[in-house]
Amino acid sequence: MNASSQTLQSQGSPILLLAHLLTAHPDLPAATYHVDNIVPDHLYISLHDGDFGRFEEWRLLLGLGVPVTHIFGESTWVDVEGVVQDVPVRLTGHGTAAEVAAYVASNTAVAA
C-alpha cells in the first residue's frame, strides 16, 4: 500500500493499544511513542533516560522476551520485539555503555 493513500484508520491498532495501556496502566513511566505511515500497524516505544528499571517495567507488562544489546559508535541501546494484542511492538531502551552493561549484567544474574 502506498503510504500517501493510507488513512488514520490504517494506524488504528497501535493507537488503540496505546489508549488501552493509558486506561489500564496510567502509572506506567512516560516514553516516546512512534506510529508511522510506512509500517502503520506497528508501535514503537522508546525510553531515553538510561533508567532501565523503567524499560523493564514496560517489558514485563507487555510480556516481551529478552532484549538484544546494540552498540553503534557512541550509541548503546537494548531492544526487544513482540506482539501485544495483535500489534507488533518494538521496545527500545537507550543509555550509556555503562548503563546498558549494568542492565544486561543484572538480567544475566537473575536468569542464572
N, C-alpha and C. Protein backbone atom coordinates (compact mmCIF):
# COMPACT_ATOMS: atom_id res chain seq x y z
N MET A 1 0.85 -1.19 0.00
CA MET A 1 0.00 0.00 0.00
C MET A 1 0.88 1.24 0.00
N ASN A 2 0.58 2.18 -0.84
CA ASN A 2 1.29 3.44 -0.92
C ASN A 2 1.01 4.24 0.34
N ALA A 3 2.08 4.74 0.99
CA ALA A 3 1.93 5.47 2.25
C ALA A 3 1.04 6.70 2.08
N SER A 4 1.04 7.33 0.89
CA SER A 4 0.25 8.53 0.71
C SER A 4 -1.25 8.23 0.58
N SER A 5 -1.61 6.97 0.34
CA SER A 5 -3.04 6.64 0.22
C SER A 5 -3.61 6.08 1.51
N GLN A 6 -2.81 5.98 2.55
CA GLN A 6 -3.29 5.44 3.83
C GLN A 6 -4.06 6.50 4.60
N THR A 7 -4.85 6.03 5.53
CA THR A 7 -5.63 6.92 6.37
C THR A 7 -5.26 6.70 7.84
N LEU A 8 -5.76 7.55 8.68
CA LEU A 8 -5.55 7.40 10.12
C LEU A 8 -6.06 6.04 10.59
N GLN A 9 -7.12 5.55 9.98
CA GLN A 9 -7.68 4.26 10.36
C GLN A 9 -6.66 3.13 10.19
N SER A 10 -5.77 3.23 9.19
CA SER A 10 -4.77 2.17 8.99
C SER A 10 -3.78 2.11 10.15
N GLN A 11 -3.74 3.17 10.96
CA GLN A 11 -2.86 3.21 12.12
C GLN A 11 -3.63 2.93 13.42
N GLY A 12 -4.86 2.50 13.27
CA GLY A 12 -5.75 2.35 14.42
C GLY A 12 -5.29 1.34 15.46
N SER A 13 -4.78 0.19 15.04
CA SER A 13 -4.42 -0.85 16.02
C SER A 13 -3.38 -0.39 17.03
N PRO A 14 -2.25 0.19 16.61
CA PRO A 14 -1.29 0.64 17.63
C PRO A 14 -1.80 1.81 18.47
N ILE A 15 -2.61 2.67 17.88
CA ILE A 15 -3.16 3.79 18.64
C ILE A 15 -4.13 3.27 19.69
N LEU A 16 -4.95 2.30 19.33
CA LEU A 16 -5.88 1.70 20.30
C LEU A 16 -5.13 0.95 21.40
N LEU A 17 -4.02 0.30 21.06
CA LEU A 17 -3.22 -0.35 22.08
C LEU A 17 -2.69 0.67 23.08
N LEU A 18 -2.19 1.80 22.59
CA LEU A 18 -1.73 2.86 23.49
C LEU A 18 -2.87 3.38 24.36
N ALA A 19 -4.04 3.55 23.78
CA ALA A 19 -5.20 4.01 24.55
C ALA A 19 -5.55 3.01 25.64
N HIS A 20 -5.49 1.72 25.31
CA HIS A 20 -5.75 0.68 26.31
C HIS A 20 -4.72 0.74 27.44
N LEU A 21 -3.43 0.89 27.07
CA LEU A 21 -2.39 0.97 28.10
C LEU A 21 -2.59 2.19 29.00
N LEU A 22 -3.00 3.29 28.41
CA LEU A 22 -3.26 4.50 29.19
C LEU A 22 -4.38 4.26 30.20
N THR A 23 -5.42 3.59 29.76
CA THR A 23 -6.56 3.33 30.64
C THR A 23 -6.24 2.29 31.71
N ALA A 24 -5.61 1.20 31.29
CA ALA A 24 -5.36 0.08 32.20
C ALA A 24 -4.14 0.29 33.10
N HIS A 25 -3.17 1.07 32.64
CA HIS A 25 -1.90 1.24 33.37
C HIS A 25 -1.44 2.70 33.33
N PRO A 26 -2.22 3.61 33.88
CA PRO A 26 -1.89 5.04 33.77
C PRO A 26 -0.58 5.43 34.47
N ASP A 27 -0.08 4.59 35.36
CA ASP A 27 1.14 4.92 36.09
C ASP A 27 2.41 4.39 35.43
N LEU A 28 2.29 3.80 34.23
CA LEU A 28 3.49 3.38 33.51
C LEU A 28 4.38 4.61 33.28
N PRO A 29 5.69 4.42 33.28
CA PRO A 29 6.57 5.56 33.00
C PRO A 29 6.31 6.14 31.61
N ALA A 30 6.40 7.44 31.52
CA ALA A 30 6.25 8.11 30.22
C ALA A 30 7.37 7.66 29.29
N ALA A 31 7.07 7.62 28.01
CA ALA A 31 8.03 7.17 27.00
C ALA A 31 7.78 7.96 25.72
N THR A 32 8.57 7.66 24.71
CA THR A 32 8.36 8.20 23.37
C THR A 32 7.65 7.13 22.56
N TYR A 33 6.58 7.50 21.86
CA TYR A 33 5.78 6.55 21.09
C TYR A 33 5.84 6.95 19.62
N HIS A 34 5.92 5.94 18.76
CA HIS A 34 6.01 6.23 17.33
C HIS A 34 5.10 5.28 16.56
N VAL A 35 4.21 5.87 15.78
CA VAL A 35 3.37 5.14 14.82
C VAL A 35 3.54 5.90 13.51
N ASP A 36 3.90 5.19 12.43
CA ASP A 36 4.10 5.93 11.19
C ASP A 36 3.26 5.37 10.06
N ASN A 37 3.33 6.03 8.92
CA ASN A 37 2.53 5.59 7.77
C ASN A 37 3.31 4.66 6.85
N ILE A 38 4.56 4.36 7.17
CA ILE A 38 5.33 3.40 6.38
C ILE A 38 4.98 1.98 6.83
N VAL A 39 4.96 1.77 8.12
CA VAL A 39 4.55 0.48 8.71
C VAL A 39 3.44 0.82 9.71
N PRO A 40 2.22 1.04 9.23
CA PRO A 40 1.18 1.64 10.05
C PRO A 40 0.64 0.76 11.18
N ASP A 41 0.88 -0.53 11.12
CA ASP A 41 0.30 -1.39 12.15
C ASP A 41 1.27 -1.67 13.30
N HIS A 42 2.45 -1.06 13.32
CA HIS A 42 3.45 -1.28 14.35
C HIS A 42 3.46 -0.12 15.36
N LEU A 43 3.86 -0.46 16.59
CA LEU A 43 4.04 0.54 17.64
C LEU A 43 5.48 0.47 18.12
N TYR A 44 6.13 1.61 18.16
CA TYR A 44 7.50 1.72 18.64
C TYR A 44 7.48 2.54 19.93
N ILE A 45 8.07 1.98 20.98
CA ILE A 45 8.13 2.65 22.28
C ILE A 45 9.60 2.77 22.67
N SER A 46 10.03 3.98 23.01
CA SER A 46 11.43 4.21 23.37
C SER A 46 11.53 4.93 24.70
N LEU A 47 12.52 4.52 25.47
CA LEU A 47 12.87 5.20 26.71
C LEU A 47 14.31 5.66 26.57
N HIS A 48 14.55 6.94 26.84
CA HIS A 48 15.85 7.55 26.52
C HIS A 48 16.65 8.01 27.73
N ASP A 49 16.21 7.73 28.93
CA ASP A 49 16.86 8.33 30.09
C ASP A 49 17.90 7.44 30.77
N GLY A 50 18.14 6.23 30.25
CA GLY A 50 19.13 5.35 30.86
C GLY A 50 18.65 4.66 32.12
N ASP A 51 17.39 4.87 32.50
CA ASP A 51 16.81 4.21 33.67
C ASP A 51 16.18 2.90 33.21
N PHE A 52 16.94 1.83 33.29
CA PHE A 52 16.46 0.56 32.75
C PHE A 52 15.43 -0.11 33.64
N GLY A 53 15.21 0.41 34.83
CA GLY A 53 14.08 -0.04 35.65
C GLY A 53 12.77 0.32 34.96
N ARG A 54 12.73 1.49 34.34
CA ARG A 54 11.55 1.92 33.60
C ARG A 54 11.36 1.06 32.35
N PHE A 55 12.46 0.76 31.66
CA PHE A 55 12.41 -0.12 30.49
C PHE A 55 11.87 -1.49 30.91
N GLU A 56 12.38 -2.01 32.01
CA GLU A 56 11.98 -3.33 32.48
C GLU A 56 10.50 -3.36 32.87
N GLU A 57 10.02 -2.28 33.45
CA GLU A 57 8.60 -2.20 33.80
C GLU A 57 7.73 -2.35 32.54
N TRP A 58 8.09 -1.63 31.49
CA TRP A 58 7.36 -1.75 30.22
C TRP A 58 7.49 -3.17 29.65
N ARG A 59 8.73 -3.69 29.63
CA ARG A 59 8.98 -5.01 29.03
C ARG A 59 8.14 -6.10 29.71
N LEU A 60 8.14 -6.09 31.03
CA LEU A 60 7.39 -7.11 31.76
C LEU A 60 5.89 -6.96 31.55
N LEU A 61 5.40 -5.73 31.60
CA LEU A 61 3.97 -5.52 31.41
C LEU A 61 3.52 -5.98 30.02
N LEU A 62 4.33 -5.70 29.01
CA LEU A 62 3.97 -6.08 27.64
C LEU A 62 4.22 -7.56 27.37
N GLY A 63 4.91 -8.24 28.27
CA GLY A 63 5.19 -9.66 28.09
C GLY A 63 6.20 -9.94 26.99
N LEU A 64 7.16 -9.02 26.84
CA LEU A 64 8.17 -9.17 25.79
C LEU A 64 9.34 -10.00 26.29
N GLY A 65 10.07 -10.61 25.37
CA GLY A 65 11.17 -11.51 25.69
C GLY A 65 12.44 -10.81 26.12
N VAL A 66 13.55 -11.49 25.89
CA VAL A 66 14.87 -10.99 26.30
C VAL A 66 15.36 -9.96 25.28
N PRO A 67 15.77 -8.79 25.76
CA PRO A 67 16.24 -7.76 24.84
C PRO A 67 17.62 -8.08 24.25
N VAL A 68 17.89 -7.48 23.11
CA VAL A 68 19.16 -7.61 22.41
C VAL A 68 19.92 -6.29 22.60
N THR A 69 21.22 -6.39 22.84
CA THR A 69 22.06 -5.21 23.04
C THR A 69 22.66 -4.78 21.70
N HIS A 70 22.70 -3.47 21.49
CA HIS A 70 23.26 -2.89 20.26
C HIS A 70 24.26 -1.82 20.63
N ILE A 71 25.37 -1.78 19.91
CA ILE A 71 26.38 -0.73 20.07
C ILE A 71 26.72 -0.23 18.68
N PHE A 72 26.60 1.08 18.51
CA PHE A 72 26.94 1.69 17.23
C PHE A 72 27.67 2.98 17.54
N GLY A 73 28.97 2.95 17.41
CA GLY A 73 29.76 4.13 17.77
C GLY A 73 29.59 4.44 19.24
N GLU A 74 29.16 5.65 19.55
CA GLU A 74 28.93 6.07 20.93
C GLU A 74 27.54 5.72 21.43
N SER A 75 26.69 5.22 20.56
CA SER A 75 25.31 4.91 20.93
C SER A 75 25.20 3.47 21.43
N THR A 76 24.47 3.30 22.51
CA THR A 76 24.25 1.98 23.09
C THR A 76 22.78 1.87 23.48
N TRP A 77 22.15 0.76 23.11
CA TRP A 77 20.76 0.58 23.44
C TRP A 77 20.43 -0.91 23.47
N VAL A 78 19.27 -1.21 24.04
CA VAL A 78 18.71 -2.55 24.00
C VAL A 78 17.33 -2.45 23.39
N ASP A 79 16.92 -3.49 22.69
CA ASP A 79 15.55 -3.51 22.21
C ASP A 79 15.03 -4.94 22.16
N VAL A 80 13.72 -5.01 22.12
CA VAL A 80 13.04 -6.29 22.09
C VAL A 80 11.75 -6.10 21.30
N GLU A 81 11.42 -7.11 20.52
CA GLU A 81 10.20 -7.05 19.71
C GLU A 81 9.26 -8.18 20.12
N GLY A 82 7.99 -7.94 19.94
CA GLY A 82 6.98 -8.95 20.21
C GLY A 82 5.65 -8.48 19.68
N VAL A 83 4.63 -9.25 19.97
CA VAL A 83 3.27 -8.90 19.54
C VAL A 83 2.41 -8.78 20.79
N VAL A 84 1.72 -7.65 20.91
CA VAL A 84 0.86 -7.37 22.05
C VAL A 84 -0.53 -7.05 21.50
N GLN A 85 -1.52 -7.84 21.87
CA GLN A 85 -2.89 -7.66 21.37
C GLN A 85 -2.90 -7.51 19.85
N ASP A 86 -2.21 -8.41 19.18
CA ASP A 86 -2.12 -8.46 17.71
C ASP A 86 -1.39 -7.28 17.08
N VAL A 87 -0.69 -6.48 17.89
CA VAL A 87 0.07 -5.34 17.37
C VAL A 87 1.56 -5.63 17.53
N PRO A 88 2.33 -5.60 16.44
CA PRO A 88 3.78 -5.74 16.56
C PRO A 88 4.34 -4.52 17.32
N VAL A 89 5.14 -4.80 18.35
CA VAL A 89 5.68 -3.75 19.21
C VAL A 89 7.19 -3.91 19.29
N ARG A 90 7.90 -2.79 19.21
CA ARG A 90 9.34 -2.77 19.50
C ARG A 90 9.56 -1.81 20.66
N LEU A 91 10.17 -2.33 21.72
CA LEU A 91 10.51 -1.53 22.89
C LEU A 91 12.02 -1.32 22.89
N THR A 92 12.44 -0.06 23.00
CA THR A 92 13.86 0.28 22.96
C THR A 92 14.22 1.09 24.19
N GLY A 93 15.36 0.75 24.80
CA GLY A 93 15.89 1.50 25.93
C GLY A 93 17.28 2.00 25.59
N HIS A 94 17.48 3.30 25.70
CA HIS A 94 18.77 3.93 25.38
C HIS A 94 19.49 4.30 26.67
N GLY A 95 20.80 4.18 26.64
CA GLY A 95 21.60 4.59 27.79
C GLY A 95 23.07 4.62 27.44
N THR A 96 23.86 4.99 28.42
CA THR A 96 25.30 4.96 28.21
C THR A 96 25.75 3.50 28.16
N ALA A 97 26.98 3.29 27.70
CA ALA A 97 27.51 1.93 27.65
C ALA A 97 27.50 1.31 29.05
N ALA A 98 27.84 2.09 30.07
CA ALA A 98 27.85 1.58 31.44
C ALA A 98 26.44 1.22 31.92
N GLU A 99 25.45 2.05 31.59
CA GLU A 99 24.07 1.77 32.00
C GLU A 99 23.55 0.50 31.33
N VAL A 100 23.83 0.36 30.04
CA VAL A 100 23.38 -0.85 29.32
C VAL A 100 24.08 -2.08 29.88
N ALA A 101 25.38 -1.97 30.11
CA ALA A 101 26.14 -3.11 30.66
C ALA A 101 25.60 -3.53 32.02
N ALA A 102 25.28 -2.57 32.88
CA ALA A 102 24.73 -2.88 34.19
C ALA A 102 23.38 -3.57 34.07
N TYR A 103 22.55 -3.08 33.16
CA TYR A 103 21.23 -3.69 32.94
C TYR A 103 21.39 -5.14 32.45
N VAL A 104 22.24 -5.35 31.46
CA VAL A 104 22.46 -6.70 30.91
C VAL A 104 23.01 -7.61 32.00
N ALA A 105 23.96 -7.13 32.80
CA ALA A 105 24.55 -7.94 33.87
C ALA A 105 23.50 -8.32 34.90
N SER A 106 22.62 -7.39 35.24
CA SER A 106 21.59 -7.68 36.25
C SER A 106 20.61 -8.71 35.72
N ASN A 107 20.28 -8.64 34.44
CA ASN A 107 19.35 -9.63 33.86
C ASN A 107 20.02 -10.98 33.71
N THR A 108 21.31 -11.00 33.42
CA THR A 108 22.04 -12.27 33.30
C THR A 108 22.11 -12.95 34.66
N ALA A 109 22.33 -12.15 35.71
CA ALA A 109 22.40 -12.72 37.05
C ALA A 109 21.07 -13.30 37.50
N VAL A 110 19.97 -12.64 37.15
CA VAL A 110 18.63 -13.11 37.50
C VAL A 110 18.33 -14.41 36.76
N ALA A 111 18.73 -14.49 35.48
CA ALA A 111 18.44 -15.68 34.67
C ALA A 111 19.25 -16.89 35.10
N ALA A 112 20.40 -16.67 35.74
CA ALA A 112 21.28 -17.78 36.11
C ALA A 112 20.79 -18.57 37.29
